[in-house]
Amino acid sequence: MKKIICLLFLIASSHLFSNITIKYKNLDKTEVKLKVMIDGEVKEVIFKAGKKGSVTIKGKETQCLFYTSCEERMLKDGDEIEIVNGCIKK
């Protein structure tokens, strides 16, 4: 019984501290700074110039909204993107 209760607690608490990790490839020659909204809060994410990598956005939600000069794009944990001319391409 204790194992079931502990397991349920772990599952429930995992949603309290969800992070969103986005894998990226920045094709631009300069770093790109984008605004992102998660949990009703605006944060800034930096994508390094000409690099592949990943960024983690801390929050409680399973998706976040990225703002670029081209569009607003909703992304979720595990998404892979390319950045071209400061815009997100999938």
PDB file of N, CA and C in Angstrom:
ATOM      1  N   MET A   1       0.818  -1.197   0.000  1.00  0.00           N
ATOM      2  CA  MET A   1       0.000   0.000   0.000  1.00  0.00           C
ATOM      3  C   MET A   1       0.864   1.264   0.000  1.00  0.00           C
ATOM      4  N   LYS A   2       1.953   1.232   0.789  1.00  0.00           N
ATOM      5  CA  LYS A   2       2.849   2.392   0.835  1.00  0.00           C
ATOM      6  C   LYS A   2       3.478   2.652  -0.528  1.00  0.00           C
ATOM      7  N   LYS A   3       3.798   1.579  -1.251  1.00  0.00           N
ATOM      8  CA  LYS A   3       4.404   1.737  -2.576  1.00  0.00           C
ATOM      9  C   LYS A   3       3.441   2.416  -3.534  1.00  0.00           C
ATOM     10  N   ILE A   4       2.174   2.069  -3.469  1.00  0.00           N
ATOM     11  CA  ILE A   4       1.170   2.679  -4.343  1.00  0.00           C
ATOM     12  C   ILE A   4       1.019   4.158  -4.017  1.00  0.00           C
ATOM     13  N   ILE A   5       0.969   4.494  -2.747  1.00  0.00           N
ATOM     14  CA  ILE A   5       0.834   5.893  -2.334  1.00  0.00           C
ATOM     15  C   ILE A   5       2.056   6.693  -2.779  1.00  0.00           C
ATOM     16  N   CYS A   6       3.243   6.142  -2.597  1.00  0.00           N
ATOM     17  CA  CYS A   6       4.464   6.834  -3.019  1.00  0.00           C
ATOM     18  C   CYS A   6       4.489   7.035  -4.539  1.00  0.00           C
ATOM     19  N   LEU A   7       4.079   6.020  -5.263  1.00  0.00           N
ATOM     20  CA  LEU A   7       4.048   6.118  -6.717  1.00  0.00           C
ATOM     21  C   LEU A   7       3.063   7.191  -7.175  1.00  0.00           C
ATOM     22  N   LEU A   8       1.896   7.226  -6.596  1.00  0.00           N
ATOM     23  CA  LEU A   8       0.909   8.253  -6.942  1.00  0.00           C
ATOM     24  C   LEU A   8       1.427   9.641  -6.602  1.00  0.00           C
ATOM     25  N   PHE A   9       2.111   9.790  -5.479  1.00  0.00           N
ATOM     26  CA  PHE A   9       2.681  11.082  -5.094  1.00  0.00           C
ATOM     27  C   PHE A   9       3.732  11.526  -6.105  1.00  0.00           C
ATOM     28  N   LEU A  10       4.594  10.608  -6.535  1.00  0.00           N
ATOM     29  CA  LEU A  10       5.626  10.948  -7.512  1.00  0.00           C
ATOM     30  C   LEU A  10       5.021  11.376  -8.840  1.00  0.00           C
ATOM     31  N   ILE A  11       4.006  10.674  -9.275  1.00  0.00           N
ATOM     32  CA  ILE A  11       3.347  11.036 -10.538  1.00  0.00           C
ATOM     33  C   ILE A  11       2.698  12.407 -10.430  1.00  0.00           C
ATOM     34  N   ALA A  12       2.003  12.654  -9.330  1.00  0.00           N
ATOM     35  CA  ALA A  12       1.328  13.949  -9.143  1.00  0.00           C
ATOM     36  C   ALA A  12       2.331  15.084  -9.024  1.00  0.00           C
ATOM     37  N   SER A  13       3.424  14.879  -8.305  1.00  0.00           N
ATOM     38  CA  SER A  13       4.393  15.952  -8.108  1.00  0.00           C
ATOM     39  C   SER A  13       5.226  16.210  -9.347  1.00  0.00           C
ATOM     40  N   SER A  14       5.352  15.249 -10.251  1.00  0.00           N
ATOM     41  CA  SER A  14       6.141  15.468 -11.457  1.00  0.00           C
ATOM     42  C   SER A  14       5.528  16.556 -12.330  1.00  0.00           C
ATOM     43  N   HIS A  15       4.220  16.732 -12.273  1.00  0.00           N
ATOM     44  CA  HIS A  15       3.562  17.778 -13.059  1.00  0.00           C
ATOM     45  C   HIS A  15       3.751  19.154 -12.437  1.00  0.00           C
ATOM     46  N   LEU A  16       4.107  19.226 -11.177  1.00  0.00           N
ATOM     47  CA  LEU A  16       4.319  20.508 -10.525  1.00  0.00           C
ATOM     48  C   LEU A  16       5.606  21.172 -10.984  1.00  0.00           C
ATOM     49  N   PHE A  17       6.569  20.372 -11.427  1.00  0.00           N
ATOM     50  CA  PHE A  17       7.871  20.902 -11.782  1.00  0.00           C
ATOM     51  C   PHE A  17       8.271  20.510 -13.193  1.00  0.00           C
ATOM     52  N   SER A  18       7.358  20.616 -14.125  1.00  0.00           N
ATOM     53  CA  SER A  18       7.650  20.272 -15.518  1.00  0.00           C
ATOM     54  C   SER A  18       8.564  21.322 -16.117  1.00  0.00           C
ATOM     55  N   ASN A  19       9.566  20.873 -16.816  1.00  0.00           N
ATOM     56  CA  ASN A  19      10.420  21.752 -17.596  1.00  0.00           C
ATOM     57  C   ASN A  19      10.210  21.410 -19.055  1.00  0.00           C
ATOM     58  N   ILE A  20      10.388  22.387 -19.903  1.00  0.00           N
ATOM     59  CA  ILE A  20      10.258  22.169 -21.338  1.00  0.00           C
ATOM     60  C   ILE A  20      11.647  22.262 -21.952  1.00  0.00           C
ATOM     61  N   THR A  21      12.058  21.212 -22.638  1.00  0.00           N
ATOM     62  CA  THR A  21      13.349  21.203 -23.314  1.00  0.00           C
ATOM     63  C   THR A  21      13.107  21.221 -24.813  1.00  0.00           C
ATOM     64  N   ILE A  22      13.723  22.189 -25.465  1.00  0.00           N
ATOM     65  CA  ILE A  22      13.610  22.367 -26.910  1.00  0.00           C
ATOM     66  C   ILE A  22      14.986  22.124 -27.520  1.00  0.00           C
ATOM     67  N   LYS A  23      15.066  21.231 -28.507  1.00  0.00           N
ATOM     68  CA  LYS A  23      16.308  21.013 -29.237  1.00  0.00           C
ATOM     69  C   LYS A  23      16.317  21.968 -30.424  1.00  0.00           C
ATOM     70  N   TYR A  24      17.474  22.589 -30.672  1.00  0.00           N
ATOM     71  CA  TYR A  24      17.523  23.589 -31.747  1.00  0.00           C
ATOM     72  C   TYR A  24      18.782  23.474 -32.579  1.00  0.00           C
ATOM     73  N   LYS A  25      18.678  24.054 -33.764  1.00  0.00           N
ATOM     74  CA  LYS A  25      19.819  24.262 -34.650  1.00  0.00           C
ATOM     75  C   LYS A  25      19.687  25.697 -35.137  1.00  0.00           C
ATOM     76  N   ASN A  26      20.615  26.550 -34.716  1.00  0.00           N
ATOM     77  CA  ASN A  26      20.582  27.953 -35.119  1.00  0.00           C
ATOM     78  C   ASN A  26      21.447  28.123 -36.361  1.00  0.00           C
ATOM     79  N   LEU A  27      20.830  28.407 -37.492  1.00  0.00           N
ATOM     80  CA  LEU A  27      21.549  28.573 -38.750  1.00  0.00           C
ATOM     81  C   LEU A  27      22.034  30.002 -38.957  1.00  0.00           C
ATOM     82  N   ASP A  28      21.666  30.904 -38.051  1.00  0.00           N
ATOM     83  CA  ASP A  28      22.106  32.295 -38.142  1.00  0.00           C
ATOM     84  C   ASP A  28      23.552  32.438 -37.653  1.00  0.00           C
ATOM     85  N   LYS A  29      24.222  33.482 -38.112  1.00  0.00           N
ATOM     86  CA  LYS A  29      25.606  33.729 -37.714  1.00  0.00           C
ATOM     87  C   LYS A  29      25.706  34.532 -36.424  1.00  0.00           C
ATOM     88  N   THR A  30      24.568  34.938 -35.899  1.00  0.00           N
ATOM     89  CA  THR A  30      24.543  35.657 -34.625  1.00  0.00           C
ATOM     90  C   THR A  30      23.594  34.943 -33.671  1.00  0.00           C
ATOM     91  N   GLU A  31      23.833  35.160 -32.368  1.00  0.00           N
ATOM     92  CA  GLU A  31      22.921  34.542 -31.413  1.00  0.00           C
ATOM     93  C   GLU A  31      21.543  35.178 -31.539  1.00  0.00           C
ATOM     94  N   VAL A  32      20.546  34.405 -31.239  1.00  0.00           N
ATOM     95  CA  VAL A  32      19.164  34.864 -31.347  1.00  0.00           C
ATOM     96  C   VAL A  32      18.543  34.825 -29.959  1.00  0.00           C
ATOM     97  N   LYS A  33      17.979  35.969 -29.548  1.00  0.00           N
ATOM     98  CA  LYS A  33      17.279  36.061 -28.272  1.00  0.00           C
ATOM     99  C   LYS A  33      15.787  36.141 -28.557  1.00  0.00           C
ATOM    100  N   LEU A  34      15.037  35.231 -27.979  1.00  0.00           N
ATOM    101  CA  LEU A  34      13.595  35.218 -28.177  1.00  0.00           C
ATOM    102  C   LEU A  34      12.878  35.295 -26.841  1.00  0.00           C
ATOM    103  N   LYS A  35      11.745  35.941 -26.862  1.00  0.00           N
ATOM    104  CA  LYS A  35      10.871  35.990 -25.697  1.00  0.00           C
ATOM    105  C   LYS A  35      10.000  34.738 -25.711  1.00  0.00           C
ATOM    106  N   VAL A  36       9.745  34.215 -24.531  1.00  0.00           N
ATOM    107  CA  VAL A  36       8.908  33.027 -24.401  1.00  0.00           C
ATOM    108  C   VAL A  36       8.000  33.202 -23.195  1.00  0.00           C
ATOM    109  N   MET A  37       6.732  32.824 -23.354  1.00  0.00           N
ATOM    110  CA  MET A  37       5.789  32.907 -22.248  1.00  0.00           C
ATOM    111  C   MET A  37       5.482  31.510 -21.746  1.00  0.00           C
ATOM    112  N   ILE A  38       5.643  31.345 -20.426  1.00  0.00           N
ATOM    113  CA  ILE A  38       5.294  30.100 -19.763  1.00  0.00           C
ATOM    114  C   ILE A  38       4.771  30.451 -18.380  1.00  0.00           C
ATOM    115  N   ASP A  39       3.714  29.815 -17.971  1.00  0.00           N
ATOM    116  CA  ASP A  39       3.076  30.070 -16.669  1.00  0.00           C
ATOM    117  C   ASP A  39       2.665  31.533 -16.515  1.00  0.00           C
ATOM    118  N   GLY A  40       2.324  32.201 -17.632  1.00  0.00           N
ATOM    119  CA  GLY A  40       1.913  33.597 -17.573  1.00  0.00           C
ATOM    120  C   GLY A  40       3.062  34.570 -17.365  1.00  0.00           C
ATOM    121  N   GLU A  41       4.283  34.080 -17.443  1.00  0.00           N
ATOM    122  CA  GLU A  41       5.472  34.897 -17.229  1.00  0.00           C
ATOM    123  C   GLU A  41       6.313  34.911 -18.500  1.00  0.00           C
ATOM    124  N   VAL A  42       6.833  36.083 -18.864  1.00  0.00           N
ATOM    125  CA  VAL A  42       7.676  36.207 -20.054  1.00  0.00           C
ATOM    126  C   VAL A  42       9.137  36.052 -19.645  1.00  0.00           C
ATOM    127  N   LYS A  43       9.833  35.167 -20.349  1.00  0.00           N
ATOM    128  CA  LYS A  43      11.256  34.925 -20.118  1.00  0.00           C
ATOM    129  C   LYS A  43      11.996  35.131 -21.425  1.00  0.00           C
ATOM    130  N   GLU A  44      13.323  35.182 -21.367  1.00  0.00           N
ATOM    131  CA  GLU A  44      14.135  35.317 -22.568  1.00  0.00           C
ATOM    132  C   GLU A  44      15.007  34.077 -22.720  1.00  0.00           C
ATOM    133  N   VAL A  45      15.079  33.563 -23.945  1.00  0.00           N
ATOM    134  CA  VAL A  45      15.881  32.387 -24.248  1.00  0.00           C
ATOM    135  C   VAL A  45      16.903  32.787 -25.303  1.00  0.00           C
ATOM    136  N   ILE A  46      18.137  32.326 -25.120  1.00  0.00           N
ATOM    137  CA  ILE A  46      19.214  32.652 -26.057  1.00  0.00           C
ATOM    138  C   ILE A  46      19.633  31.387 -26.796  1.00  0.00           C
ATOM    139  N   PHE A  47      19.653  31.489 -28.135  1.00  0.00           N
ATOM    140  CA  PHE A  47      20.108  30.401 -28.993  1.00  0.00           C
ATOM    141  C   PHE A  47      21.465  30.815 -29.554  1.00  0.00           C
ATOM    142  N   LYS A  48      22.502  30.054 -29.282  1.00  0.00           N
ATOM    143  CA  LYS A  48      23.860  30.403 -29.682  1.00  0.00           C
ATOM    144  C   LYS A  48      24.020  30.355 -31.202  1.00  0.00           C
ATOM    145  N   ALA A  49      24.842  31.257 -31.713  1.00  0.00           N
ATOM    146  CA  ALA A  49      25.037  31.411 -33.156  1.00  0.00           C
ATOM    147  C   ALA A  49      25.653  30.169 -33.786  1.00  0.00           C
ATOM    148  N   GLY A  50      25.044  29.718 -34.892  1.00  0.00           N
ATOM    149  CA  GLY A  50      25.580  28.620 -35.676  1.00  0.00           C
ATOM    150  C   GLY A  50      25.752  27.317 -34.920  1.00  0.00           C
ATOM    151  N   LYS A  51      24.967  27.099 -33.898  1.00  0.00           N
ATOM    152  CA  LYS A  51      25.133  25.918 -33.043  1.00  0.00           C
ATOM    153  C   LYS A  51      23.900  25.037 -33.020  1.00  0.00           C
ATOM    154  N   LYS A  52      24.134  23.787 -32.632  1.00  0.00           N
ATOM    155  CA  LYS A  52      23.074  22.860 -32.276  1.00  0.00           C
ATOM    156  C   LYS A  52      23.099  22.747 -30.761  1.00  0.00           C
ATOM    157  N   GLY A  53      21.952  22.554 -30.174  1.00  0.00           N
ATOM    158  CA  GLY A  53      21.925  22.398 -28.733  1.00  0.00           C
ATOM    159  C   GLY A  53      20.509  22.229 -28.239  1.00  0.00           C
ATOM    160  N   SER A  54      20.352  22.486 -26.956  1.00  0.00           N
ATOM    161  CA  SER A  54      19.018  22.434 -26.375  1.00  0.00           C
ATOM    162  C   SER A  54      18.915  23.512 -25.312  1.00  0.00           C
ATOM    163  N   VAL A  55      17.712  23.981 -25.109  1.00  0.00           N
ATOM    164  CA  VAL A  55      17.421  24.944 -24.050  1.00  0.00           C
ATOM    165  C   VAL A  55      16.301  24.370 -23.199  1.00  0.00           C
ATOM    166  N   THR A  56      16.368  24.659 -21.918  1.00  0.00           N
ATOM    167  CA  THR A  56      15.343  24.216 -20.988  1.00  0.00           C
ATOM    168  C   THR A  56      14.675  25.426 -20.383  1.00  0.00           C
ATOM    169  N   ILE A  57      13.365  25.460 -20.460  1.00  0.00           N
ATOM    170  CA  ILE A  57      12.575  26.553 -19.906  1.00  0.00           C
ATOM    171  C   ILE A  57      11.862  26.006 -18.679  1.00  0.00           C
ATOM    172  N   LYS A  58      12.119  26.626 -17.541  1.00  0.00           N
ATOM    173  CA  LYS A  58      11.520  26.148 -16.299  1.00  0.00           C
ATOM    174  C   LYS A  58      10.108  26.683 -16.164  1.00  0.00           C
ATOM    175  N   GLY A  59       9.219  25.807 -15.764  1.00  0.00           N
ATOM    176  CA  GLY A  59       7.837  26.189 -15.556  1.00  0.00           C
ATOM    177  C   GLY A  59       7.001  24.986 -15.185  1.00  0.00           C
ATOM    178  N   LYS A  60       5.727  25.225 -15.016  1.00  0.00           N
ATOM    179  CA  LYS A  60       4.800  24.168 -14.620  1.00  0.00           C
ATOM    180  C   LYS A  60       4.014  23.615 -15.801  1.00  0.00           C
ATOM    181  N   GLU A  61       4.023  24.329 -16.928  1.00  0.00           N
ATOM    182  CA  GLU A  61       3.226  23.923 -18.083  1.00  0.00           C
ATOM    183  C   GLU A  61       4.002  22.964 -18.979  1.00  0.00           C
ATOM    184  N   THR A  62       3.289  22.311 -19.876  1.00  0.00           N
ATOM    185  CA  THR A  62       3.912  21.360 -20.800  1.00  0.00           C
ATOM    186  C   THR A  62       4.154  21.967 -22.173  1.00  0.00           C
ATOM    187  N   GLN A  63       3.773  23.230 -22.356  1.00  0.00           N
ATOM    188  CA  GLN A  63       4.043  23.928 -23.604  1.00  0.00           C
ATOM    189  C   GLN A  63       4.278  25.397 -23.298  1.00  0.00           C
ATOM    190  N   CYS A  64       4.903  26.094 -24.247  1.00  0.00           N
ATOM    191  CA  CYS A  64       5.184  27.518 -24.060  1.00  0.00           C
ATOM    192  C   CYS A  64       5.046  28.227 -25.408  1.00  0.00           C
ATOM    193  N   LEU A  65       4.899  29.541 -25.338  1.00  0.00           N
ATOM    194  CA  LEU A  65       4.671  30.355 -26.530  1.00  0.00           C
ATOM    195  C   LEU A  65       5.917  31.190 -26.815  1.00  0.00           C
ATOM    196  N   PHE A  66       6.531  30.978 -27.986  1.00  0.00           N
ATOM    197  CA  PHE A  66       7.699  31.750 -28.412  1.00  0.00           C
ATOM    198  C   PHE A  66       7.245  32.909 -29.290  1.00  0.00           C
ATOM    199  N   TYR A  67       7.838  34.067 -29.058  1.00  0.00           N
ATOM    200  CA  TYR A  67       7.555  35.257 -29.860  1.00  0.00           C
ATOM    201  C   TYR A  67       8.758  35.558 -30.748  1.00  0.00           C
ATOM    202  N   THR A  68       8.532  35.607 -32.071  1.00  0.00           N
ATOM    203  CA  THR A  68       9.585  36.016 -33.003  1.00  0.00           C
ATOM    204  C   THR A  68       9.041  37.185 -33.820  1.00  0.00           C
ATOM    205  N   SER A  69       9.916  37.770 -34.641  1.00  0.00           N
ATOM    206  CA  SER A  69       9.458  38.861 -35.510  1.00  0.00           C
ATOM    207  C   SER A  69       8.554  38.327 -36.619  1.00  0.00           C
ATOM    208  N   CYS A  70       8.588  37.021 -36.856  1.00  0.00           N
ATOM    209  CA  CYS A  70       7.798  36.406 -37.920  1.00  0.00           C
ATOM    210  C   CYS A  70       6.427  35.939 -37.452  1.00  0.00           C
ATOM    211  N   GLU A  71       6.379  35.400 -36.230  1.00  0.00           N
ATOM    212  CA  GLU A  71       5.140  34.793 -35.754  1.00  0.00           C
ATOM    213  C   GLU A  71       5.243  34.467 -34.270  1.00  0.00           C
ATOM    214  N   GLU A  72       4.147  34.004 -33.736  1.00  0.00           N
ATOM    215  CA  GLU A  72       4.127  33.412 -32.408  1.00  0.00           C
ATOM    216  C   GLU A  72       3.996  31.913 -32.617  1.00  0.00           C
ATOM    217  N   ARG A  73       4.806  31.132 -31.905  1.00  0.00           N
ATOM    218  CA  ARG A  73       4.813  29.691 -32.120  1.00  0.00           C
ATOM    219  C   ARG A  73       4.707  28.976 -30.780  1.00  0.00           C
ATOM    220  N   MET A  74       3.724  28.084 -30.671  1.00  0.00           N
ATOM    221  CA  MET A  74       3.545  27.261 -29.480  1.00  0.00           C
ATOM    222  C   MET A  74       4.420  26.016 -29.624  1.00  0.00           C
ATOM    223  N   LEU A  75       5.283  25.784 -28.640  1.00  0.00           N
ATOM    224  CA  LEU A  75       6.153  24.616 -28.649  1.00  0.00           C
ATOM    225  C   LEU A  75       5.929  23.810 -27.381  1.00  0.00           C
ATOM    226  N   LYS A  76       6.192  22.512 -27.487  1.00  0.00           N
ATOM    227  CA  LYS A  76       6.032  21.646 -26.323  1.00  0.00           C
ATOM    228  C   LYS A  76       7.337  20.901 -26.066  1.00  0.00           C
ATOM    229  N   ASP A  77       7.419  20.278 -24.918  1.00  0.00           N
ATOM    230  CA  ASP A  77       8.618  19.561 -24.515  1.00  0.00           C
ATOM    231  C   ASP A  77       9.019  18.543 -25.584  1.00  0.00           C
ATOM    232  N   GLY A  78      10.305  18.563 -25.943  1.00  0.00           N
ATOM    233  CA  GLY A  78      10.828  17.608 -26.912  1.00  0.00           C
ATOM    234  C   GLY A  78      10.801  18.078 -28.350  1.00  0.00           C
ATOM    235  N   ASP A  79      10.195  19.227 -28.630  1.00  0.00           N
ATOM    236  CA  ASP A  79      10.156  19.731 -30.001  1.00  0.00           C
ATOM    237  C   ASP A  79      11.568  20.043 -30.494  1.00  0.00           C
ATOM    238  N   GLU A  80      11.772  19.870 -31.796  1.00  0.00           N
ATOM    239  CA  GLU A  80      13.031  20.198 -32.451  1.00  0.00           C
ATOM    240  C   GLU A  80      12.757  21.306 -33.464  1.00  0.00           C
ATOM    241  N   ILE A  81      13.590  22.352 -33.427  1.00  0.00           N
ATOM    242  CA  ILE A  81      13.369  23.500 -34.305  1.00  0.00           C
ATOM    243  C   ILE A  81      14.667  23.895 -35.005  1.00  0.00           C
ATOM    244  N   GLU A  82      14.511  24.651 -36.076  1.00  0.00           N
ATOM    245  CA  GLU A  82      15.618  25.336 -36.742  1.00  0.00           C
ATOM    246  C   GLU A  82      15.326  26.825 -36.669  1.00  0.00           C
ATOM    247  N   ILE A  83      16.361  27.609 -36.486  1.00  0.00           N
ATOM    248  CA  ILE A  83      16.215  29.062 -36.465  1.00  0.00           C
ATOM    249  C   ILE A  83      16.909  29.616 -37.696  1.00  0.00           C
ATOM    250  N   VAL A  84      16.134  30.329 -38.509  1.00  0.00           N
ATOM    251  CA  VAL A  84      16.641  30.926 -39.745  1.00  0.00           C
ATOM    252  C   VAL A  84      16.168  32.377 -39.762  1.00  0.00           C
ATOM    253  N   ASN A  85      17.117  33.300 -39.895  1.00  0.00           N
ATOM    254  CA  ASN A  85      16.810  34.742 -39.918  1.00  0.00           C
ATOM    255  C   ASN A  85      15.970  35.153 -38.707  1.00  0.00           C
ATOM    256  N   GLY A  86      16.278  34.587 -37.550  1.00  0.00           N
ATOM    257  CA  GLY A  86      15.584  34.947 -36.317  1.00  0.00           C
ATOM    258  C   GLY A  86      14.196  34.364 -36.193  1.00  0.00           C
ATOM    259  N   CYS A  87      13.802  33.485 -37.125  1.00  0.00           N
ATOM    260  CA  CYS A  87      12.471  32.898 -37.114  1.00  0.00           C
ATOM    261  C   CYS A  87      12.569  31.390 -36.884  1.00  0.00           C
ATOM    262  N   ILE A  88      11.536  30.833 -36.284  1.00  0.00           N
ATOM    263  CA  ILE A  88      11.506  29.409 -35.988  1.00  0.00           C
ATOM    264  C   ILE A  88      10.923  28.642 -37.178  1.00  0.00           C
ATOM    265  N   LYS A  89      11.681  27.660 -37.631  1.00  0.00           N
ATOM    266  CA  LYS A  89      11.235  26.753 -38.682  1.00  0.00           C
ATOM    267  C   LYS A  89      11.238  25.356 -38.077  1.00  0.00           C
ATOM    268  N   LYS A  90      10.276  24.536 -38.489  1.00  0.00           N
ATOM    269  CA  LYS A  90      10.263  23.157 -37.988  1.00  0.00           C
ATOM    270  C   LYS A  90      10.724  22.207 -39.055  1.00  0.00           C
TER     271      LYS A  90
END
